[in-house]
C-alpha atoms as a PDB file:
ATOM      1  CA  MET A   1     -23.602  87.034 261.759  1.00  0.00           C
ATOM      2  CA  LEU A   2     -23.151  86.403 258.001  1.00  0.00           C
ATOM      3  CA  LEU A   3     -24.083  88.670 255.498  1.00  0.00           C
ATOM      4  CA  LEU A   4     -24.680  87.087 252.181  1.00  0.00           C
ATOM      5  CA  LEU A   5     -23.587  90.044 249.633  1.00  0.00           C
ATOM      6  CA  PRO A   6     -25.007  89.483 245.950  1.00  0.00           C
ATOM      7  CA  PRO A   7     -22.272  87.935 243.744  1.00  0.00           C
ATOM      8  CA  LEU A   8     -20.884  90.043 240.687  1.00  0.00           C
ATOM      9  CA  ALA A   9     -22.467  87.652 238.204  1.00  0.00           C
ATOM     10  CA  ALA A  10     -26.499  87.721 237.829  1.00  0.00           C
ATOM     11  CA  GLU A  11     -27.733  84.172 239.114  1.00  0.00           C
ATOM     12  CA  PRO A  12     -29.431  81.630 236.675  1.00  0.00           C
ATOM     13  CA  ILE A  13     -33.057  80.809 237.531  1.00  0.00           C
ATOM     14  CA  PHE A  14     -34.105  78.619 235.086  1.00  0.00           C
ATOM     15  CA  ASN A  15     -33.587  77.793 231.273  1.00  0.00           C
ATOM     16  CA  ILE A  16     -35.805  78.042 228.196  1.00  0.00           C
ATOM     17  CA  GLY A  17     -33.646  75.596 225.882  1.00  0.00           C
ATOM     18  CA  SER A  18     -30.413  76.788 225.665  1.00  0.00           C
ATOM     19  CA  PHE A  19     -31.057  80.329 227.076  1.00  0.00           C
ATOM     20  CA  THR A  20     -30.448  80.852 230.527  1.00  0.00           C
ATOM     21  CA  VAL A  21     -32.795  83.141 232.305  1.00  0.00           C
ATOM     22  CA  THR A  22     -31.011  84.970 235.194  1.00  0.00           C
ATOM     23  CA  ASN A  23     -32.806  86.882 238.000  1.00  0.00           C
ATOM     24  CA  ALA A  24     -31.585  90.253 236.459  1.00  0.00           C
ATOM     25  CA  ILE A  25     -33.278  89.434 233.033  1.00  0.00           C
ATOM     26  CA  ILE A  26     -36.694  88.863 235.208  1.00  0.00           C
ATOM     27  CA  ASN A  27     -36.330  92.524 236.334  1.00  0.00           C
ATOM     28  CA  THR A  28     -35.662  93.747 232.600  1.00  0.00           C
ATOM     29  CA  TRP A  29     -38.871  91.418 231.527  1.00  0.00           C
ATOM     30  CA  VAL A  30     -40.972  93.121 234.296  1.00  0.00           C
ATOM     31  CA  ALA A  31     -39.772  96.482 233.555  1.00  0.00           C
ATOM     32  CA  LEU A  32     -40.593  96.168 229.564  1.00  0.00           C
ATOM     33  CA  ILE A  33     -43.755  94.539 230.697  1.00  0.00           C
ATOM     34  CA  PHE A  34     -44.773  98.111 232.786  1.00  0.00           C
ATOM     35  CA  PHE A  35     -43.817 100.150 229.662  1.00  0.00           C
ATOM     36  CA  VAL A  36     -46.131  97.939 227.462  1.00  0.00           C
ATOM     37  CA  VAL A  37     -49.101  98.198 229.463  1.00  0.00           C
ATOM     38  CA  VAL A  38     -48.710 102.189 230.252  1.00  0.00           C
ATOM     39  CA  ALA A  39     -48.544 102.537 226.451  1.00  0.00           C
ATOM     40  CA  PHE A  40     -51.350 100.474 225.967  1.00  0.00           C
ATOM     41  CA  LEU A  41     -53.550 102.651 228.570  1.00  0.00           C
ATOM     42  CA  ILE A  42     -52.273 105.867 227.078  1.00  0.00           C
ATOM     43  CA  LYS A  43     -53.164 104.591 223.545  1.00  0.00           C
ATOM     44  CA  ARG A  44     -56.542 103.358 224.424  1.00  0.00           C
ATOM     45  CA  ARG A  45     -57.332 107.026 226.067  1.00  0.00           C
ATOM     46  CA  VAL A  46     -55.557 109.496 223.681  1.00  0.00           C
ATOM     47  CA  GLN A  47     -57.517 112.684 223.403  1.00  0.00           C
ATOM     48  CA  MET A  48     -56.779 115.859 221.821  1.00  0.00           C
ATOM     49  CA  VAL A  49     -57.133 117.611 225.358  1.00  0.00           C
ATOM     50  CA  PRO A  50     -54.919 115.346 227.316  1.00  0.00           C
ATOM     51  CA  GLU A  51     -55.670 114.131 230.821  1.00  0.00           C
ATOM     52  CA  GLY A  52     -54.437 111.571 233.601  1.00  0.00           C
ATOM     53  CA  LEU A  53     -52.086 109.323 232.204  1.00  0.00           C
ATOM     54  CA  GLN A  54     -51.738 110.948 228.861  1.00  0.00           C
ATOM     55  CA  ASN A  55     -50.800 114.395 230.632  1.00  0.00           C
ATOM     56  CA  VAL A  56     -48.201 112.964 232.613  1.00  0.00           C
ATOM     57  CA  ALA A  57     -46.684 111.073 229.733  1.00  0.00           C
ATOM     58  CA  GLU A  58     -46.708 114.457 227.387  1.00  0.00           C
ATOM     59  CA  ALA A  59     -45.341 116.163 230.243  1.00  0.00           C
ATOM     60  CA  ILE A  60     -42.346 113.871 230.348  1.00  0.00           C
ATOM     61  CA  LEU A  61     -41.876 114.024 226.854  1.00  0.00           C
ATOM     62  CA  GLU A  62     -41.693 117.974 226.521  1.00  0.00           C
ATOM     63  CA  PHE A  63     -39.555 117.701 229.585  1.00  0.00           C
ATOM     64  CA  LEU A  64     -37.121 115.739 227.977  1.00  0.00           C
ATOM     65  CA  LEU A  65     -37.277 117.526 224.557  1.00  0.00           C
ATOM     66  CA  GLY A  66     -36.514 120.830 226.485  1.00  0.00           C
ATOM     67  CA  PHE A  67     -33.835 119.246 228.307  1.00  0.00           C
ATOM     68  CA  PHE A  68     -32.359 117.828 225.237  1.00  0.00           C
ATOM     69  CA  ASP A  69     -32.439 120.985 222.981  1.00  0.00           C
ATOM     70  CA  GLN A  70     -29.938 122.281 225.560  1.00  0.00           C
ATOM     71  CA  VAL A  71     -27.378 119.972 224.198  1.00  0.00           C
ATOM     72  CA  THR A  72     -28.446 119.796 220.413  1.00  0.00           C
ATOM     73  CA  HIS A  73     -29.791 123.748 220.127  1.00  0.00           C
ATOM     74  CA  SER A  74     -32.063 122.260 217.550  1.00  0.00           C
ATOM     75  CA  ARG A  75     -35.725 120.746 218.396  1.00  0.00           C
ATOM     76  CA  ALA A  76     -35.710 118.919 215.038  1.00  0.00           C
ATOM     77  CA  LYS A  77     -32.447 117.064 216.345  1.00  0.00           C
ATOM     78  CA  SER A  78     -34.129 116.653 219.748  1.00  0.00           C
ATOM     79  CA  GLU A  79     -37.176 114.706 218.305  1.00  0.00           C
ATOM     80  CA  LYS A  80     -34.823 112.662 215.987  1.00  0.00           C
ATOM     81  CA  PHE A  81     -32.900 111.714 219.049  1.00  0.00           C
ATOM     82  CA  LEU A  82     -35.706 111.493 221.533  1.00  0.00           C
ATOM     83  CA  PRO A  83     -36.693 107.563 220.841  1.00  0.00           C
ATOM     84  CA  LEU A  84     -33.482 106.445 221.522  1.00  0.00           C
ATOM     85  CA  VAL A  85     -32.045 108.774 224.505  1.00  0.00           C
ATOM     86  CA  GLY A  86     -35.454 108.627 225.881  1.00  0.00           C
ATOM     87  CA  THR A  87     -36.181 105.277 225.965  1.00  0.00           C
ATOM     88  CA  LEU A  88     -32.673 104.510 227.634  1.00  0.00           C
ATOM     89  CA  PHE A  89     -33.156 107.402 230.296  1.00  0.00           C
ATOM     90  CA  LEU A  90     -36.818 105.972 231.215  1.00  0.00           C
ATOM     91  CA  PHE A  91     -35.734 102.297 230.942  1.00  0.00           C
ATOM     92  CA  ILE A  92     -32.632 102.850 233.217  1.00  0.00           C
ATOM     93  CA  LEU A  93     -34.674 105.119 235.769  1.00  0.00           C
ATOM     94  CA  VAL A  94     -37.630 102.426 236.200  1.00  0.00           C
ATOM     95  CA  SER A  95     -34.991  99.591 236.192  1.00  0.00           C
ATOM     96  CA  ASN A  96     -32.965 101.374 238.916  1.00  0.00           C
ATOM     97  CA  TRP A  97     -36.109 102.430 241.042  1.00  0.00           C
ATOM     98  CA  MET A  98     -37.422  98.993 240.401  1.00  0.00           C
ATOM     99  CA  GLY A  99     -34.021  97.575 242.533  1.00  0.00           C
ATOM    100  CA  ILE A 100     -35.257  99.172 245.993  1.00  0.00           C
ATOM    101  CA  LEU A 101     -38.883  97.601 245.830  1.00  0.00           C
ATOM    102  CA  PRO A 102     -39.486  95.138 248.679  1.00  0.00           C
ATOM    103  CA  GLY A 103     -38.693  91.753 247.728  1.00  0.00           C
ATOM    104  CA  ILE A 104     -36.052  92.461 244.966  1.00  0.00           C
ATOM    105  CA  GLY A 105     -33.092  90.711 246.259  1.00  0.00           C
ATOM    106  CA  SER A 106     -34.816  88.978 249.484  1.00  0.00           C
ATOM    107  CA  ILE A 107     -37.622  86.621 247.630  1.00  0.00           C
ATOM    108  CA  GLY A 108     -35.579  83.604 246.180  1.00  0.00           C
ATOM    109  CA  GLN A 109     -35.103  79.882 246.874  1.00  0.00           C
ATOM    110  CA  TRP A 110     -32.195  78.593 248.938  1.00  0.00           C
ATOM    111  CA  GLN A 111     -30.033  76.570 247.181  1.00  0.00           C
ATOM    112  CA  MET A 112     -26.828  74.692 247.662  1.00  0.00           C
ATOM    113  CA  HIS A 113     -23.902  77.100 245.764  1.00  0.00           C
ATOM    114  CA  HIS A 114     -19.961  76.685 246.268  1.00  0.00           C
ATOM    115  CA  GLY A 115     -20.404  74.167 248.981  1.00  0.00           C
ATOM    116  CA  SER A 116     -22.704  75.867 251.024  1.00  0.00           C
ATOM    117  CA  VAL A 117     -26.756  76.802 251.120  1.00  0.00           C
ATOM    118  CA  GLU A 118     -27.279  80.203 249.872  1.00  0.00           C
ATOM    119  CA  LEU A 119     -30.473  82.340 248.661  1.00  0.00           C
ATOM    120  CA  ILE A 120     -31.245  82.557 244.999  1.00  0.00           C
ATOM    121  CA  PRO A 121     -33.112  85.714 244.408  1.00  0.00           C
ATOM    122  CA  LEU A 122     -35.795  85.684 241.861  1.00  0.00           C
ATOM    123  CA  PHE A 123     -35.452  89.150 241.482  1.00  0.00           C
ATOM    124  CA  ARG A 124     -32.199  91.381 240.901  1.00  0.00           C
ATOM    125  CA  PRO A 125     -31.973  95.026 239.763  1.00  0.00           C
ATOM    126  CA  ALA A 126     -31.185  94.849 235.854  1.00  0.00           C
ATOM    127  CA  ASN A 127     -28.300  97.146 235.693  1.00  0.00           C
ATOM    128  CA  SER A 128     -26.582  95.516 238.630  1.00  0.00           C
ATOM    129  CA  ASP A 129     -25.354  92.720 235.527  1.00  0.00           C
ATOM    130  CA  LEU A 130     -22.744  93.859 233.475  1.00  0.00           C
ATOM    131  CA  ASN A 131     -24.201  92.184 230.633  1.00  0.00           C
ATOM    132  CA  MET A 132     -27.268  94.933 230.463  1.00  0.00           C
ATOM    133  CA  THR A 133     -25.274  97.737 231.048  1.00  0.00           C
ATOM    134  CA  LEU A 134     -22.753  96.567 228.243  1.00  0.00           C
ATOM    135  CA  ALA A 135     -25.252  95.922 225.876  1.00  0.00           C
ATOM    136  CA  MET A 136     -26.958  99.470 226.372  1.00  0.00           C
ATOM    137  CA  ALA A 137     -23.629 101.086 226.052  1.00  0.00           C
ATOM    138  CA  ILE A 138     -23.000  99.361 222.854  1.00  0.00           C
ATOM    139  CA  LEU A 139     -26.296 100.094 221.298  1.00  0.00           C
ATOM    140  CA  ALA A 140     -25.454 103.769 222.200  1.00  0.00           C
ATOM    141  CA  VAL A 141     -22.198 104.147 220.877  1.00  0.00           C
ATOM    142  CA  VAL A 142     -22.993 102.262 217.600  1.00  0.00           C
ATOM    143  CA  ALA A 143     -26.487 104.043 217.216  1.00  0.00           C
ATOM    144  CA  SER A 144     -24.422 107.405 217.118  1.00  0.00           C
ATOM    145  CA  HIS A 145     -22.394 105.863 214.000  1.00  0.00           C
ATOM    146  CA  VAL A 146     -25.292 105.354 212.442  1.00  0.00           C
ATOM    147  CA  PHE A 147     -27.245 108.780 213.155  1.00  0.00           C
ATOM    148  CA  GLY A 148     -23.565 110.075 211.949  1.00  0.00           C
ATOM    149  CA  ILE A 149     -23.729 108.297 208.521  1.00  0.00           C
ATOM    150  CA  ILE A 150     -27.112 108.928 207.891  1.00  0.00           C
ATOM    151  CA  ALA A 151     -26.490 112.674 208.580  1.00  0.00           C
ATOM    152  CA  ILE A 152     -23.182 113.696 206.971  1.00  0.00           C
ATOM    153  CA  GLY A 153     -22.139 110.780 204.686  1.00  0.00           C
ATOM    154  CA  PHE A 154     -20.297 107.844 204.814  1.00  0.00           C
ATOM    155  CA  PHE A 155     -17.202 108.827 203.992  1.00  0.00           C
ATOM    156  CA  LYS A 156     -17.169 112.346 205.909  1.00  0.00           C
ATOM    157  CA  HIS A 157     -18.156 110.300 209.013  1.00  0.00           C
ATOM    158  CA  THR A 158     -15.500 107.654 208.522  1.00  0.00           C
ATOM    159  CA  GLY A 159     -12.981 110.129 207.795  1.00  0.00           C
ATOM    160  CA  LYS A 160     -13.052 111.217 211.221  1.00  0.00           C
ATOM    161  CA  PHE A 161     -11.379 108.072 212.155  1.00  0.00           C
ATOM    162  CA  ILE A 162      -9.385 107.109 208.889  1.00  0.00           C
ATOM    163  CA  GLN A 163      -7.476 110.100 207.472  1.00  0.00           C
ATOM    164  CA  LEU A 164      -5.700 108.143 204.548  1.00  0.00           C
ATOM    165  CA  GLY A 165      -6.689 110.570 202.089  1.00  0.00           C
ATOM    166  CA  GLY A 166      -4.943 113.483 204.019  1.00  0.00           C
ATOM    167  CA  VAL A 167      -1.844 111.365 203.671  1.00  0.00           C
ATOM    168  CA  PHE A 168      -1.857 110.788 200.030  1.00  0.00           C
ATOM    169  CA  LYS A 169      -2.635 114.443 199.282  1.00  0.00           C
ATOM    170  CA  SER A 170       0.140 115.787 201.736  1.00  0.00           C
ATOM    171  CA  LEU A 171       2.398 113.828 199.247  1.00  0.00           C
ATOM    172  CA  LYS A 172       2.654 116.991 197.096  1.00  0.00           C
ATOM    173  CA  LYS A 173       3.086 119.471 199.732  1.00  0.00           C
ATOM    174  CA  GLY A 174       6.286 119.092 201.478  1.00  0.00           C
ATOM    175  CA  PRO A 175       7.661 117.394 204.652  1.00  0.00           C
ATOM    176  CA  MET A 176       5.841 119.641 206.961  1.00  0.00           C
ATOM    177  CA  ALA A 177       2.297 118.538 205.416  1.00  0.00           C
ATOM    178  CA  ILE A 178       3.222 114.930 205.334  1.00  0.00           C
ATOM    179  CA  MET A 179       4.230 115.093 209.339  1.00  0.00           C
ATOM    180  CA  THR A 180       0.744 117.196 209.729  1.00  0.00           C
ATOM    181  CA  ALA A 181      -0.971 114.503 207.754  1.00  0.00           C
ATOM    182  CA  ILE A 182       0.854 110.982 209.387  1.00  0.00           C
ATOM    183  CA  ILE A 183       0.190 112.915 213.043  1.00  0.00           C
ATOM    184  CA  GLN A 184      -4.011 113.413 211.916  1.00  0.00           C
ATOM    185  CA  PHE A 185      -3.893 109.831 210.889  1.00  0.00           C
ATOM    186  CA  PHE A 186      -2.753 108.604 214.067  1.00  0.00           C
ATOM    187  CA  VAL A 187      -4.977 111.047 215.997  1.00  0.00           C
ATOM    188  CA  GLY A 188      -8.049 109.170 213.821  1.00  0.00           C
ATOM    189  CA  LEU A 189      -6.661 105.928 215.215  1.00  0.00           C
ATOM    190  CA  LEU A 190      -6.807 107.496 218.592  1.00  0.00           C
ATOM    191  CA  GLU A 191     -10.226 108.120 217.785  1.00  0.00           C
ATOM    192  CA  ILE A 192     -11.228 104.589 217.347  1.00  0.00           C
ATOM    193  CA  ILE A 193      -9.698 103.797 220.620  1.00  0.00           C
ATOM    194  CA  SER A 194     -11.978 106.255 222.247  1.00  0.00           C
ATOM    195  CA  GLU A 195     -14.918 104.784 220.852  1.00  0.00           C
ATOM    196  CA  ILE A 196     -14.188 101.375 222.470  1.00  0.00           C
ATOM    197  CA  ALA A 197     -13.368 103.386 225.798  1.00  0.00           C
ATOM    198  CA  LYS A 198     -16.996 104.903 225.338  1.00  0.00           C
ATOM    199  CA  MET A 199     -18.602 101.523 225.624  1.00  0.00           C
ATOM    200  CA  VAL A 200     -16.564 100.305 228.579  1.00  0.00           C
ATOM    201  CA  SER A 201     -16.853 103.708 230.597  1.00  0.00           C
ATOM    202  CA  LEU A 202     -20.709 104.035 230.184  1.00  0.00           C
ATOM    203  CA  SER A 203     -21.123 100.442 230.940  1.00  0.00           C
ATOM    204  CA  LEU A 204     -18.852 100.110 234.053  1.00  0.00           C
ATOM    205  CA  ARG A 205     -20.332 103.472 235.557  1.00  0.00           C
ATOM    206  CA  LEU A 206     -23.770 102.334 235.495  1.00  0.00           C
ATOM    207  CA  PHE A 207     -23.121  98.827 236.668  1.00  0.00           C
ATOM    208  CA  GLY A 208     -20.581  99.848 239.593  1.00  0.00           C
ATOM    209  CA  ASN A 209     -22.857 102.445 240.986  1.00  0.00           C
ATOM    210  CA  ILE A 210     -25.839 100.354 240.503  1.00  0.00           C
ATOM    211  CA  PHE A 211     -24.107  97.286 241.734  1.00  0.00           C
ATOM    212  CA  ALA A 212     -23.036  99.427 244.974  1.00  0.00           C
ATOM    213  CA  GLY A 213     -26.032 100.658 245.874  1.00  0.00           C
ATOM    214  CA  GLU A 214     -27.361  97.232 246.111  1.00  0.00           C
ATOM    215  CA  VAL A 215     -24.483  95.753 248.376  1.00  0.00           C
ATOM    216  CA  LEU A 216     -24.884  98.997 250.707  1.00  0.00           C
ATOM    217  CA  LEU A 217     -28.619  98.270 251.122  1.00  0.00           C
ATOM    218  CA  THR A 218     -27.833  94.422 251.653  1.00  0.00           C
ATOM    219  CA  VAL A 219     -25.345  95.222 254.391  1.00  0.00           C
ATOM    220  CA  MET A 220     -27.711  98.156 256.396  1.00  0.00           C
ATOM    221  CA  ALA A 221     -30.804  95.826 255.938  1.00  0.00           C
ATOM    222  CA  GLY A 222     -28.522  92.784 257.552  1.00  0.00           C
ATOM    223  CA  LEU A 223     -27.112  94.641 260.463  1.00  0.00           C
ATOM    224  CA  ILE A 224     -30.293  96.777 261.303  1.00  0.00           C
ATOM    225  CA  ALA A 225     -33.505  95.983 259.188  1.00  0.00           C
ATOM    226  CA  VAL A 226     -35.597  98.821 261.092  1.00  0.00           C
ATOM    227  CA  LEU A 227     -35.638 102.396 259.966  1.00  0.00           C
ATOM    228  CA  VAL A 228     -31.757 102.863 259.362  1.00  0.00           C
ATOM    229  CA  PRO A 229     -32.035 101.595 255.998  1.00  0.00           C
ATOM    230  CA  THR A 230     -34.437 104.234 254.865  1.00  0.00           C
ATOM    231  CA  PRO A 231     -32.042 107.291 254.147  1.00  0.00           C
ATOM    232  CA  PHE A 232     -29.979 104.761 252.184  1.00  0.00           C
ATOM    233  CA  MET A 233     -33.171 103.828 249.966  1.00  0.00           C
ATOM    234  CA  LEU A 234     -33.807 107.624 249.393  1.00  0.00           C
ATOM    235  CA  LEU A 235     -30.018 108.040 248.403  1.00  0.00           C
ATOM    236  CA  GLU A 236     -30.655 105.191 246.011  1.00  0.00           C
ATOM    237  CA  LEU A 237     -33.742 106.883 244.405  1.00  0.00           C
ATOM    238  CA  ILE A 238     -31.342 109.858 243.767  1.00  0.00           C
ATOM    239  CA  VAL A 239     -28.701 107.613 242.584  1.00  0.00           C
ATOM    240  CA  GLY A 240     -31.057 106.046 240.029  1.00  0.00           C
ATOM    241  CA  LEU A 241     -32.095 109.431 238.647  1.00  0.00           C
ATOM    242  CA  ILE A 242     -28.543 110.663 238.376  1.00  0.00           C
ATOM    243  CA  GLN A 243     -27.164 107.457 236.629  1.00  0.00           C
ATOM    244  CA  ALA A 244     -30.020 107.448 234.247  1.00  0.00           C
ATOM    245  CA  THR A 245     -29.537 111.349 233.262  1.00  0.00           C
ATOM    246  CA  VAL A 246     -25.910 110.663 233.130  1.00  0.00           C
ATOM    247  CA  PHE A 247     -26.123 107.785 230.697  1.00  0.00           C
ATOM    248  CA  ALA A 248     -29.044 109.575 228.700  1.00  0.00           C
ATOM    249  CA  MET A 249     -26.708 112.767 228.463  1.00  0.00           C
ATOM    250  CA  LEU A 250     -23.564 111.043 227.430  1.00  0.00           C
ATOM    251  CA  THR A 251     -25.597 109.302 224.818  1.00  0.00           C
ATOM    252  CA  LEU A 252     -26.982 112.531 223.554  1.00  0.00           C
ATOM    253  CA  VAL A 253     -23.755 114.113 223.364  1.00  0.00           C
ATOM    254  CA  TYR A 254     -22.153 111.220 221.477  1.00  0.00           C
ATOM    255  CA  LEU A 255     -25.243 111.540 218.908  1.00  0.00           C
ATOM    256  CA  GLU A 256     -24.555 115.204 218.629  1.00  0.00           C
ATOM    257  CA  VAL A 257     -20.815 115.085 217.807  1.00  0.00           C
ATOM    258  CA  ALA A 258     -21.463 112.275 215.464  1.00  0.00           C
ATOM    259  CA  THR A 259     -24.047 114.120 213.397  1.00  0.00           C
ATOM    260  CA  SER A 260     -21.930 117.564 213.388  1.00  0.00           C
ATOM    261  CA  GLU A 261     -19.727 118.422 210.321  1.00  0.00           C
ATOM    262  CA  PRO A 262     -16.020 117.429 211.111  1.00  0.00           C
ATOM    263  CA  HIS A 263     -13.983 120.581 211.316  1.00  0.00           C
END
């Protein structure tokens, strides 16, 4: 029996002008539509005493704020970071859980691909596309610098990475001060490299776990389609929650560090 495992790259479905729409993008749009519909339903029935869907939404927000407080130790900071970090958490969580819905990866059309007929699925988990996870990672890291500049000022923030001022000041203090300043300058350059590493690690961690889960479910469903894949689907629910939490918490830590005064 031949198992058709999902390729690393998302498959194109159709084009809008020169823009190629892949099956991962379709899943992204479905998730966004879900949030827009939920927000519309909540906004239409906002009450002073919450009930129903509004109650659920407020409970989620209170839980997230309490969770963020453990990192920021400040409700004001938690509320400032909530729109970004909360959005990333909920979007990643819903996108991950959508990946185990019936039809994801199995509904599509058969096409000639690389000399053989293969099933091109209409839907694919959004976070199994490296383009999506990399875009969110870049957003998280760049946003941390924007928040940092706003919180402590441009020169203080950039001084964490480019420490030329210390080198010039050390010229009047002797050889040891000059050596220390040079070391601090190169440590700052390493910090710049670490910012790039943050983007790479954030994107690859999320992509690797979700893509591996997709491959696992495909293999198990291809071998035995009844009952056996169920425990693995439950495992994917847990993995989806963990990965969303890890991505959000790391983003929150980056924001907290960036907005803190340099030592």
